[in-house]
């Protein structure tokens, strides 16, 4: 059932654990440049409010600030300034300053919190004019209502395109306090998935232009996903089943990241490690950026030369990631990228004399990679495999292609009919699986949303419901299908309006 091109074509830790300076390869340059960045923001915020943009004093302070930003960008491609509780974090490294710079630091933190800004993400393409426009708008008096929304509109009107703001949310607390409110989980899931797909587009573009990959942003995205997964994984898993993104490569990498983190969570791994596995999932197929589109999009069987070229993408990906300075202390993504087509029983590629010692994270990514690839339309495969049949294949290949423990954990997590599966009921109704039943004995009776015409899906219906223990069930699944229900209708079960 797999294509010859392989399976991707065919005790909890907190957020603060990853922003300490100890052992962080980015800590040195942040410690050196961070105070200048904060002081520059502080000085420039005052100057642009007093003097015109073409004033010599204004231009001088903006040029100094821009040079500091450029130094940051030379290391990681961008600079991201974030507020975590009352701490200032630059490119995922907590900034610790002396008493001389404490005032400017507290000023920046306070101004960001006033405007409900969690992070400021600055592109290397920023110009001095755009930087000045941003500072003038950002440090003007904040609106009294919807301060973040008003700020976003003002920046768009000022043509500030190379600085992105993220709204501040007490993410984990917000999600846990609204655990029963499905829409809150949906909104957060929709946001992080959209950001992740856009991020993967930025990564591919960065590689093409020989610019650094922004690893800190990958960490933030997977940390947000891990927060959601540990509360309610169903919506994120459902979003991975919507296969109509414009770019398969971007969406596939994000889907693999999410599914791998679900496995890691079910295995009981700490949240910090779950997020690291997510990063490895995002980057696992990065070597395909060096494979010609004529090979990737070939609808037929690859000839031997093209197939040999395709088999080089794991090694090419590892080489690409080895150039990323901030990944040098985190080798897991390199192992995963190199090994994700190596099978548990020793087959697959690249071949190695003797036998591969598979990294534990590789074993997780491989299962997620195969599942998403099998259940997705591809140019060389007319019809995808339905999710339940893909799970059956994983079960059958357990011990040969897949680690038995990982395969068993994934199958248990996904259920007999994975979230997002379109099913036909014995009543003749079409439905979409939206949540698994908590009891293992009822995994074949998930919660579904009934679909009728072009109307919205129903509220979740529990297929385990029946009048009493001796009565027949109200509804039962007859079969799963892919072709009957348009993707746009299925997407309504998981995407908020």
Protein backbone atom coordinates (compact mmCIF):
# COMPACT_ATOMS: atom_id res chain seq x y z
CA UNK A 1 0.00 0.00 0.00
CA UNK A 2 2.97 2.36 0.25
CA UNK A 3 4.36 4.08 -2.83
CA UNK A 4 7.92 3.39 -3.92
CA UNK A 5 8.75 7.01 -3.14
CA UNK A 6 8.36 6.35 0.55
CA UNK A 7 6.06 7.15 3.40
CA UNK A 8 6.17 10.94 3.29
CA UNK A 9 5.53 11.20 -0.29
CA UNK A 10 3.84 7.83 -0.43
CA UNK A 11 6.45 15.07 34.80
CA UNK A 12 5.65 18.13 32.74
CA UNK A 13 7.96 21.02 31.98
CA UNK A 14 6.82 24.58 31.34
CA UNK A 15 7.49 27.33 28.84
CA UNK A 16 10.10 28.93 31.09
CA UNK A 17 12.27 25.81 30.78
CA UNK A 18 13.26 26.79 27.25
CA UNK A 19 14.12 30.43 27.88
CA UNK A 20 16.86 30.05 30.47
CA UNK A 21 20.36 31.06 29.47
CA UNK A 22 22.08 27.90 30.67
CA UNK A 23 23.12 25.66 27.78
CA UNK A 24 21.35 27.78 25.21
CA UNK A 25 23.54 28.35 22.11
CA UNK A 26 21.81 31.66 21.50
CA UNK A 27 22.34 33.01 25.01
CA UNK A 28 25.76 34.57 24.36
CA UNK A 29 24.74 36.85 21.54
CA UNK A 30 21.47 37.80 23.25
CA UNK A 31 23.37 38.69 26.42
CA UNK A 32 25.73 40.84 24.36
CA UNK A 33 23.24 42.54 22.02
CA UNK A 34 20.06 42.44 24.11
CA UNK A 35 20.74 45.51 26.26
CA UNK A 36 21.53 47.58 23.16
CA UNK A 37 18.27 46.45 21.57
CA UNK A 38 16.21 47.38 24.63
CA UNK A 39 18.02 50.69 25.07
CA UNK A 40 17.52 51.40 21.36
CA UNK A 41 13.78 50.75 21.57
CA UNK A 42 13.51 52.93 24.66
CA UNK A 43 15.42 55.86 23.10
CA UNK A 44 13.74 55.60 19.71
CA UNK A 45 10.25 55.45 21.25
CA UNK A 46 10.87 58.82 22.93
CA UNK A 47 12.58 60.46 19.95
CA UNK A 48 9.97 59.62 17.30
CA UNK A 49 7.25 61.14 19.48
CA UNK A 50 9.13 64.44 19.79
CA UNK A 51 10.89 64.98 16.45
CA UNK A 52 9.89 64.58 12.81
CA UNK A 53 11.03 61.48 10.95
CA UNK A 54 13.54 63.42 8.85
CA UNK A 55 15.10 65.07 11.90
CA UNK A 56 18.81 64.27 12.32
CA UNK A 57 18.34 63.06 15.89
CA UNK A 58 15.50 60.75 14.82
CA UNK A 59 17.47 59.31 11.92
CA UNK A 60 20.52 58.75 14.12
CA UNK A 61 18.65 56.80 16.79
CA UNK A 62 16.77 54.75 14.17
CA UNK A 63 19.99 53.87 12.36
CA UNK A 64 21.58 52.67 15.60
CA UNK A 65 18.54 50.54 16.39
CA UNK A 66 18.48 49.12 12.86
CA UNK A 67 22.13 48.10 13.10
CA UNK A 68 21.40 46.19 16.30
CA UNK A 69 18.45 44.44 14.66
CA UNK A 70 20.65 43.54 11.69
CA UNK A 71 23.20 41.95 14.04
CA UNK A 72 20.47 39.76 15.52
CA UNK A 73 19.23 38.84 12.04
CA UNK A 74 22.74 37.81 10.99
CA UNK A 75 22.56 35.06 13.62
CA UNK A 76 19.00 33.69 13.26
CA UNK A 77 17.43 35.52 10.34
CA UNK A 78 14.93 37.51 12.43
CA UNK A 79 14.57 39.01 15.87
CA UNK A 80 11.63 38.19 18.11
CA UNK A 81 10.95 40.12 21.31
CA UNK A 82 8.47 38.38 23.61
CA UNK A 83 6.96 38.94 27.03
CA UNK A 84 6.62 35.88 29.27
CA UNK A 85 4.92 36.83 32.54
CA UNK A 86 7.12 39.84 33.48
CA UNK A 87 10.23 38.65 31.67
CA UNK A 88 11.61 39.89 28.35
CA UNK A 89 12.66 37.10 26.01
CA UNK A 90 14.66 37.71 22.83
CA UNK A 91 14.84 34.85 20.32
CA UNK A 92 13.75 32.46 23.09
CA UNK A 93 16.50 33.58 25.48
CA UNK A 94 15.57 35.41 28.66
CA UNK A 95 17.30 38.79 28.80
CA UNK A 96 19.04 39.53 32.10
CA UNK A 97 20.35 43.09 32.44
CA UNK A 98 22.22 45.18 34.97
CA UNK A 99 20.66 48.02 36.94
CA UNK A 100 21.57 50.56 34.25
CA UNK A 101 19.39 48.82 31.67
CA UNK A 102 16.62 47.67 34.00
CA UNK A 103 14.56 50.82 33.42
CA UNK A 104 14.43 50.46 29.62
CA UNK A 105 13.67 46.72 29.96
CA UNK A 106 10.73 47.32 32.31
CA UNK A 107 9.52 50.09 29.99
CA UNK A 108 9.43 47.77 26.97
CA UNK A 109 7.71 44.99 28.94
CA UNK A 110 5.14 47.43 30.32
CA UNK A 111 4.37 49.00 26.93
CA UNK A 112 3.93 45.59 25.28
CA UNK A 113 1.57 44.44 28.03
CA UNK A 114 -0.45 47.68 27.81
CA UNK A 115 -1.10 46.91 24.14
CA UNK A 116 -1.69 43.17 24.75
CA UNK A 117 1.29 42.26 22.59
CA UNK A 118 2.93 38.93 23.41
CA UNK A 119 5.68 39.17 20.81
CA UNK A 120 7.15 41.47 18.19
CA UNK A 121 8.63 39.60 15.25
CA UNK A 122 10.97 41.69 13.06
CA UNK A 123 11.98 40.57 9.55
CA UNK A 124 15.50 41.17 8.21
CA UNK A 125 13.88 43.13 5.36
CA UNK A 126 12.89 45.97 7.70
CA UNK A 127 13.94 49.46 6.55
CA UNK A 128 14.70 52.51 8.64
CA UNK A 129 11.54 54.24 7.36
CA UNK A 130 9.34 51.27 8.23
CA UNK A 131 11.00 50.95 11.64
CA UNK A 132 10.27 54.61 12.34
CA UNK A 133 6.63 54.22 11.28
CA UNK A 134 6.25 51.19 13.54
CA UNK A 135 7.71 52.94 16.58
CA UNK A 136 5.58 56.05 16.09
CA UNK A 137 2.38 53.99 15.88
CA UNK A 138 3.28 51.43 18.54
CA UNK A 139 4.29 53.93 21.22
CA UNK A 140 1.42 56.34 20.66
CA UNK A 141 -1.33 56.36 23.30
CA UNK A 142 -3.07 52.95 23.28
CA UNK A 143 -6.77 52.69 22.45
CA UNK A 144 -9.13 52.15 25.36
CA UNK A 145 -11.01 49.25 23.73
CA UNK A 146 -9.59 46.37 21.69
CA UNK A 147 -6.14 47.85 21.99
CA UNK A 148 -4.45 45.07 20.00
CA UNK A 149 -7.00 45.24 17.19
CA UNK A 150 -6.71 49.02 16.92
CA UNK A 151 -2.91 48.78 16.88
CA UNK A 152 -2.98 46.15 14.13
CA UNK A 153 -5.20 48.35 11.94
CA UNK A 154 -2.99 51.41 12.47
CA UNK A 155 0.16 49.47 11.53
CA UNK A 156 -1.48 48.11 8.38
CA UNK A 157 -2.54 51.62 7.39
CA UNK A 158 1.05 52.78 7.92
CA UNK A 159 2.33 50.03 5.55
CA UNK A 160 4.31 48.25 8.24
CA UNK A 161 4.72 44.83 6.62
CA UNK A 162 7.99 43.51 8.02
CA UNK A 163 6.99 43.51 11.67
CA UNK A 164 4.37 41.06 12.96
CA UNK A 165 2.65 41.22 16.32
CA UNK A 166 1.18 38.32 18.26
CA UNK A 167 -1.64 39.06 20.68
CA UNK A 168 -0.91 38.27 24.31
CA UNK A 169 -2.96 35.45 25.78
CA UNK A 170 -2.40 33.50 28.97
CA UNK A 171 -2.54 30.53 26.66
CA UNK A 172 -2.50 27.53 28.95
CA UNK A 173 -4.63 29.17 31.64
CA UNK A 174 -7.02 30.44 28.99
CA UNK A 175 -7.44 26.98 27.49
CA UNK A 176 -7.78 25.17 30.81
CA UNK A 177 -10.34 27.65 32.11
CA UNK A 178 -12.43 27.16 28.98
CA UNK A 179 -12.00 23.42 28.65
CA UNK A 180 -15.70 22.85 28.10
CA UNK A 181 -15.98 25.68 25.57
CA UNK A 182 -15.28 23.96 22.26
CA UNK A 183 -15.08 27.22 20.35
CA UNK A 184 -12.16 28.49 22.46
CA UNK A 185 -10.13 25.38 21.70
CA UNK A 186 -11.11 25.62 18.04
CA UNK A 187 -10.04 29.23 17.73
CA UNK A 188 -6.65 28.59 19.33
CA UNK A 189 -6.13 25.45 17.22
CA UNK A 190 -7.07 27.28 14.01
CA UNK A 191 -4.62 30.08 14.79
CA UNK A 192 -1.64 27.91 15.57
CA UNK A 193 -2.19 25.61 12.57
CA UNK A 194 -2.47 28.57 10.20
CA UNK A 195 0.66 30.14 11.67
CA UNK A 196 2.54 26.85 11.37
CA UNK A 197 1.66 26.40 7.68
CA UNK A 198 2.73 30.00 6.98
CA UNK A 199 5.91 29.41 8.94
CA UNK A 200 6.82 26.38 6.83
CA UNK A 201 6.36 28.53 3.74
CA UNK A 202 8.80 31.03 5.26
CA UNK A 203 11.27 28.22 6.00
CA UNK A 204 11.25 26.98 2.40
CA UNK A 205 11.72 30.54 1.14
CA UNK A 206 14.57 31.11 3.58
CA UNK A 207 16.36 28.00 2.31
CA UNK A 208 15.95 29.09 -1.30
CA UNK A 209 17.37 32.52 -0.47
CA UNK A 210 20.16 31.08 1.71
CA UNK A 211 18.86 32.87 4.81
CA UNK A 212 18.88 31.35 8.34
CA UNK A 213 15.92 29.26 9.47
CA UNK A 214 14.02 30.84 12.35
CA UNK A 215 14.18 27.98 14.86
CA UNK A 216 12.83 29.94 17.89
CA UNK A 217 9.55 30.47 16.09
CA UNK A 218 9.28 26.72 15.45
CA UNK A 219 9.73 26.15 19.19
CA UNK A 220 7.01 28.65 20.05
CA UNK A 221 4.56 27.09 17.61
CA UNK A 222 5.11 23.53 18.82
CA UNK A 223 4.91 24.66 22.45
CA UNK A 224 1.51 26.17 21.72
CA UNK A 225 0.43 22.94 20.01
CA UNK A 226 1.65 20.90 22.97
CA UNK A 227 -0.43 23.09 25.31
CA UNK A 228 -3.54 22.39 23.25
CA UNK A 229 -2.84 18.65 22.84
CA UNK A 230 -2.53 18.16 26.59
CA UNK A 231 -6.00 19.64 27.05
CA UNK A 232 -7.98 18.48 23.99
CA UNK A 233 -6.19 16.98 21.00
CA UNK A 234 -9.31 16.37 18.89
CA UNK A 235 -9.49 19.70 17.04
CA UNK A 236 -5.82 19.74 16.05
CA UNK A 237 -6.09 16.14 14.85
CA UNK A 238 -9.23 17.08 12.95
CA UNK A 239 -7.42 19.94 11.23
CA UNK A 240 -4.74 17.51 10.01
CA UNK A 241 -7.49 15.66 8.14
CA UNK A 242 -8.36 18.70 5.98
CA UNK A 243 -6.23 18.08 2.93
CA UNK A 244 -6.97 21.09 0.74
CA UNK A 245 -4.04 23.37 1.53
CA UNK A 246 -2.43 25.01 -1.51
CA UNK A 247 0.97 23.57 -0.71
CA UNK A 248 1.10 19.90 0.28
CA UNK A 249 4.68 20.10 1.58
CA UNK A 250 3.91 22.85 4.08
CA UNK A 251 0.73 21.23 5.40
CA UNK A 252 2.26 17.75 5.48
CA UNK A 253 5.11 18.91 7.71
CA UNK A 254 2.66 20.58 10.10
CA UNK A 255 0.36 17.53 10.14
CA UNK A 256 3.27 15.21 10.92
CA UNK A 257 4.33 17.56 13.71
CA UNK A 258 0.86 17.50 15.30
CA UNK A 259 0.35 13.73 14.97
CA UNK A 260 3.82 13.03 16.36
CA UNK A 261 3.12 15.23 19.38
CA UNK A 262 -0.14 13.37 19.98
CA UNK A 263 1.82 10.11 20.08
CA UNK A 264 4.43 11.64 22.40
CA UNK A 265 1.71 12.90 24.73
CA UNK A 266 0.04 9.49 24.82
CA UNK A 267 3.43 7.94 25.64
CA UNK A 268 3.58 10.21 28.69
CA UNK A 269 6.62 12.24 27.64
CA UNK A 270 7.20 15.64 29.31
CA UNK A 271 5.84 18.67 27.47
CA UNK A 272 9.29 20.04 26.70
CA UNK A 273 10.16 16.83 24.87
CA UNK A 274 6.78 16.77 23.13
CA UNK A 275 7.51 20.22 21.71
CA UNK A 276 10.99 19.11 20.59
CA UNK A 277 9.43 16.21 18.71
CA UNK A 278 7.09 18.72 17.12
CA UNK A 279 10.06 20.76 15.87
CA UNK A 280 11.59 17.61 14.39
CA UNK A 281 8.28 16.94 12.64
CA UNK A 282 8.23 20.41 11.11
CA UNK A 283 11.73 19.99 9.69
CA UNK A 284 11.74 16.27 8.80
CA UNK A 285 11.13 16.75 5.06
CA UNK A 286 13.22 19.88 4.60
CA UNK A 287 15.59 18.06 2.24
CA UNK A 288 12.87 18.01 -0.42
CA UNK A 289 13.60 21.67 -1.09
CA UNK A 290 16.64 20.37 -3.00
CA UNK A 291 14.65 17.85 -5.07
CA UNK A 292 13.52 19.13 -8.52
CA UNK A 293 9.78 19.70 -8.88
CA UNK A 294 9.86 17.51 -11.99
CA UNK A 295 10.58 14.59 -9.66
CA UNK A 296 8.34 15.61 -6.75
CA UNK A 297 5.35 16.21 -9.03
CA UNK A 298 5.89 13.30 -11.41
CA UNK A 299 2.48 11.57 -11.67
CA UNK A 300 3.97 8.29 -12.85
CA UNK A 301 6.48 5.77 -11.58
CA UNK A 302 9.92 7.29 -11.09
CA UNK A 303 12.72 5.92 -13.25
CA UNK A 304 15.75 4.47 -11.40
CA UNK A 305 17.85 7.66 -11.68
CA UNK A 306 15.05 9.91 -10.39
CA UNK A 307 14.29 7.45 -7.59
CA UNK A 308 17.93 7.47 -6.49
CA UNK A 309 17.81 11.29 -6.47
CA UNK A 310 14.61 11.25 -4.40
CA UNK A 311 16.24 8.94 -1.86
CA UNK A 312 18.88 11.61 -1.19
CA UNK A 313 16.44 14.03 0.47
CA UNK A 314 16.95 12.74 4.06
CA UNK A 315 20.73 13.31 3.79
CA UNK A 316 20.23 16.67 2.07
CA UNK A 317 17.85 17.68 4.87
CA UNK A 318 20.31 16.71 7.58
CA UNK A 319 23.04 18.74 5.86
CA UNK A 320 20.71 21.73 5.64
CA UNK A 321 19.81 21.55 9.33
CA UNK A 322 23.43 21.04 10.39
CA UNK A 323 24.09 24.58 9.13
CA UNK A 324 21.56 26.04 11.60
CA UNK A 325 23.52 27.33 14.56
CA UNK A 326 20.65 27.17 17.04
CA UNK A 327 20.10 23.46 16.30
CA UNK A 328 23.67 22.40 17.08
CA UNK A 329 22.83 21.75 20.72
CA UNK A 330 19.60 19.94 19.78
CA UNK A 331 20.53 16.98 17.59
CA UNK A 332 17.14 15.25 17.57
CA UNK A 333 15.82 16.99 14.42
CA UNK A 334 19.01 16.02 12.56
CA UNK A 335 18.61 12.34 13.46
CA UNK A 336 14.91 12.41 12.58
CA UNK A 337 15.49 14.13 9.24
CA UNK A 338 18.16 11.58 8.28
CA UNK A 339 16.32 8.49 9.52
CA UNK A 340 12.61 9.14 8.91
CA UNK A 341 12.51 6.71 5.94
CA UNK A 342 14.43 3.98 7.77
CA UNK A 343 12.16 1.15 8.83
CA UNK A 344 12.04 -0.40 12.29
CA UNK A 345 13.10 -3.76 10.82
CA UNK A 346 16.09 -2.29 8.99
CA UNK A 347 14.69 -1.62 5.50
CA UNK A 348 14.06 1.74 3.90
CA UNK A 349 16.64 4.40 3.11
CA UNK A 350 19.33 5.66 3.41
CA UNK A 351 21.07 2.32 3.84
CA UNK A 352 23.74 1.89 6.47
CA UNK A 353 26.33 -0.87 6.91
CA UNK A 354 25.14 -3.02 9.73
CA UNK A 355 21.90 -1.80 11.25
CA UNK A 356 20.59 1.65 12.12
CA UNK A 357 20.14 2.50 15.77
CA UNK A 358 16.93 4.49 15.35
CA UNK A 359 16.50 7.58 17.50
CA UNK A 360 13.33 7.26 19.65
CA UNK A 361 11.90 10.41 18.09
CA UNK A 362 12.44 8.96 14.60
CA UNK A 363 10.21 6.02 15.49
CA UNK A 364 7.43 8.44 16.39
CA UNK A 365 7.82 10.68 13.33
CA UNK A 366 7.83 7.70 10.96
CA UNK A 367 4.37 6.56 12.06
CA UNK A 368 2.93 10.08 11.78
CA UNK A 369 4.63 10.59 8.40
CA UNK A 370 3.22 7.42 6.85
CA UNK A 371 -0.30 8.03 8.16
CA UNK A 372 -0.54 11.56 6.79
CA UNK A 373 1.03 10.61 3.45
CA UNK A 374 -1.29 7.64 2.94
CA UNK A 375 -4.44 9.64 3.71
CA UNK A 376 -3.60 12.55 1.37
CA UNK A 377 -4.25 13.06 -2.35
CA UNK A 378 -0.96 13.04 -4.27
CA UNK A 379 -0.13 13.51 -7.95
CA UNK A 380 1.04 9.90 -8.22
CA UNK A 381 -1.92 8.36 -6.37
CA UNK A 382 -5.47 8.83 -7.64
CA UNK A 383 -7.27 8.13 -4.37
CA UNK A 384 -5.95 8.42 -0.82
CA UNK A 385 -6.45 5.65 1.71
CA UNK A 386 -9.21 6.16 4.25
CA UNK A 387 -7.85 6.80 7.77
CA UNK A 388 -9.15 3.54 9.24
CA UNK A 389 -7.43 1.53 6.47
CA UNK A 390 -4.21 3.47 6.98
CA UNK A 391 -4.35 2.49 10.65
CA UNK A 392 -4.88 -1.13 9.64
CA UNK A 393 -1.75 -0.94 7.49
CA UNK A 394 0.25 0.50 10.39
CA UNK A 395 -1.00 -2.31 12.60
CA UNK A 396 -0.07 -4.95 10.00
CA UNK A 397 3.42 -3.47 9.53
CA UNK A 398 4.07 -3.16 13.27
CA UNK A 399 7.45 -4.75 14.00
CA UNK A 400 8.57 -4.45 10.37
CA UNK A 401 8.21 -0.81 9.33
CA UNK A 402 7.02 0.60 12.66
CA UNK A 403 8.04 0.37 16.30
CA UNK A 404 5.32 -1.83 17.88
CA UNK A 405 4.87 0.37 20.97
CA UNK A 406 4.60 3.56 18.89
CA UNK A 407 2.22 1.94 16.40
CA UNK A 408 -0.01 0.61 19.18
CA UNK A 409 -0.03 3.99 20.95
CA UNK A 410 -0.95 5.83 17.74
CA UNK A 411 -3.76 3.41 16.86
CA UNK A 412 -5.17 3.74 20.37
CA UNK A 413 -4.98 7.54 20.16
CA UNK A 414 -6.66 7.74 16.76
CA UNK A 415 -9.40 5.19 17.48
CA UNK A 416 -11.01 2.79 15.05
CA UNK A 417 -12.25 5.77 13.03
CA UNK A 418 -9.79 8.69 13.42
CA UNK A 419 -11.00 12.24 13.97
CA UNK A 420 -11.81 13.78 10.59
CA UNK A 421 -12.96 10.51 9.01
CA UNK A 422 -16.13 10.76 6.89
CA UNK A 423 -18.48 7.87 7.69
CA UNK A 424 -21.81 6.54 6.47
CA UNK A 425 -24.27 5.55 9.22
CA UNK A 426 -26.86 2.79 9.14
CA UNK A 427 -29.49 5.53 9.05
CA UNK A 428 -28.17 6.63 5.67
CA UNK A 429 -26.71 9.83 7.14
CA UNK A 430 -23.21 11.12 6.41
CA UNK A 431 -21.15 12.20 9.39
CA UNK A 432 -17.67 13.34 10.37
CA UNK A 433 -15.85 11.90 13.38
CA UNK A 434 -15.04 14.82 15.71
CA UNK A 435 -13.98 13.14 18.96
CA UNK A 436 -13.03 9.72 20.26
CA UNK A 437 -14.87 7.96 23.07
CA UNK A 438 -12.92 7.91 26.34
CA UNK A 439 -13.66 4.25 27.02
CA UNK A 440 -11.40 1.84 25.11
CA UNK A 441 -14.27 -0.63 24.58
CA UNK A 442 -16.19 2.09 22.72
CA UNK A 443 -13.47 3.32 20.37
CA UNK A 444 -15.55 2.03 17.45
CA UNK A 445 -18.37 4.36 18.57
CA UNK A 446 -16.92 7.88 18.45
CA UNK A 447 -18.69 11.25 18.58
CA UNK A 448 -19.73 12.46 15.12
CA UNK A 449 -21.16 15.60 13.53
CA UNK A 450 -24.07 14.85 11.21
CA UNK A 451 -23.84 16.52 7.79
CA UNK A 452 -26.93 17.54 5.84
CA UNK A 453 -26.67 19.30 2.47
CA UNK A 454 -24.85 22.62 2.61
CA UNK A 455 -25.98 23.36 6.16
CA UNK A 456 -23.71 23.50 9.20
CA UNK A 457 -22.75 20.26 10.98
CA UNK A 458 -24.79 19.16 13.96
CA UNK A 459 -23.59 19.28 17.53
CA UNK A 460 -21.52 16.16 18.35
CA UNK A 461 -23.62 12.99 18.53
CA UNK A 462 -22.45 10.13 20.75
CA UNK A 463 -22.70 6.89 18.75
CA UNK A 464 -22.52 4.94 22.03
CA UNK A 465 -25.94 6.28 23.06
CA UNK A 466 -28.91 3.91 23.33
CA UNK A 467 -32.04 3.85 25.49
CA UNK A 468 -30.69 1.08 27.76
CA UNK A 469 -28.04 -1.64 27.85
CA UNK A 470 -30.31 -4.12 26.09
CA UNK A 471 -31.56 -1.84 23.31
CA UNK A 472 -29.90 -1.41 19.91
CA UNK A 473 -27.77 1.69 19.32
CA UNK A 474 -29.47 4.69 17.75
CA UNK A 475 -26.83 4.92 15.04
CA UNK A 476 -23.88 2.79 13.91
CA UNK A 477 -21.10 3.27 11.37
CA UNK A 478 -21.46 1.22 8.20
CA UNK A 479 -18.33 2.34 6.37
CA UNK A 480 -15.79 5.14 5.99
CA UNK A 481 -15.38 7.06 2.76
CA UNK A 482 -13.39 9.88 1.18
CA UNK A 483 -15.23 10.78 -2.01
CA UNK A 484 -18.79 11.55 -0.93
CA UNK A 485 -18.37 14.64 1.25
CA UNK A 486 -16.53 17.74 -0.08
CA UNK A 487 -13.55 18.89 1.96
CA UNK A 488 -15.13 22.32 2.45
CA UNK A 489 -18.07 20.76 4.30
CA UNK A 490 -15.88 18.53 6.44
CA UNK A 491 -13.73 21.53 7.37
CA UNK A 492 -16.71 23.23 9.05
CA UNK A 493 -16.46 20.73 11.89
CA UNK A 494 -13.06 22.07 12.92
CA UNK A 495 -12.63 25.60 11.53
CA UNK A 496 -14.29 28.49 13.32
CA UNK A 497 -16.04 31.18 11.31
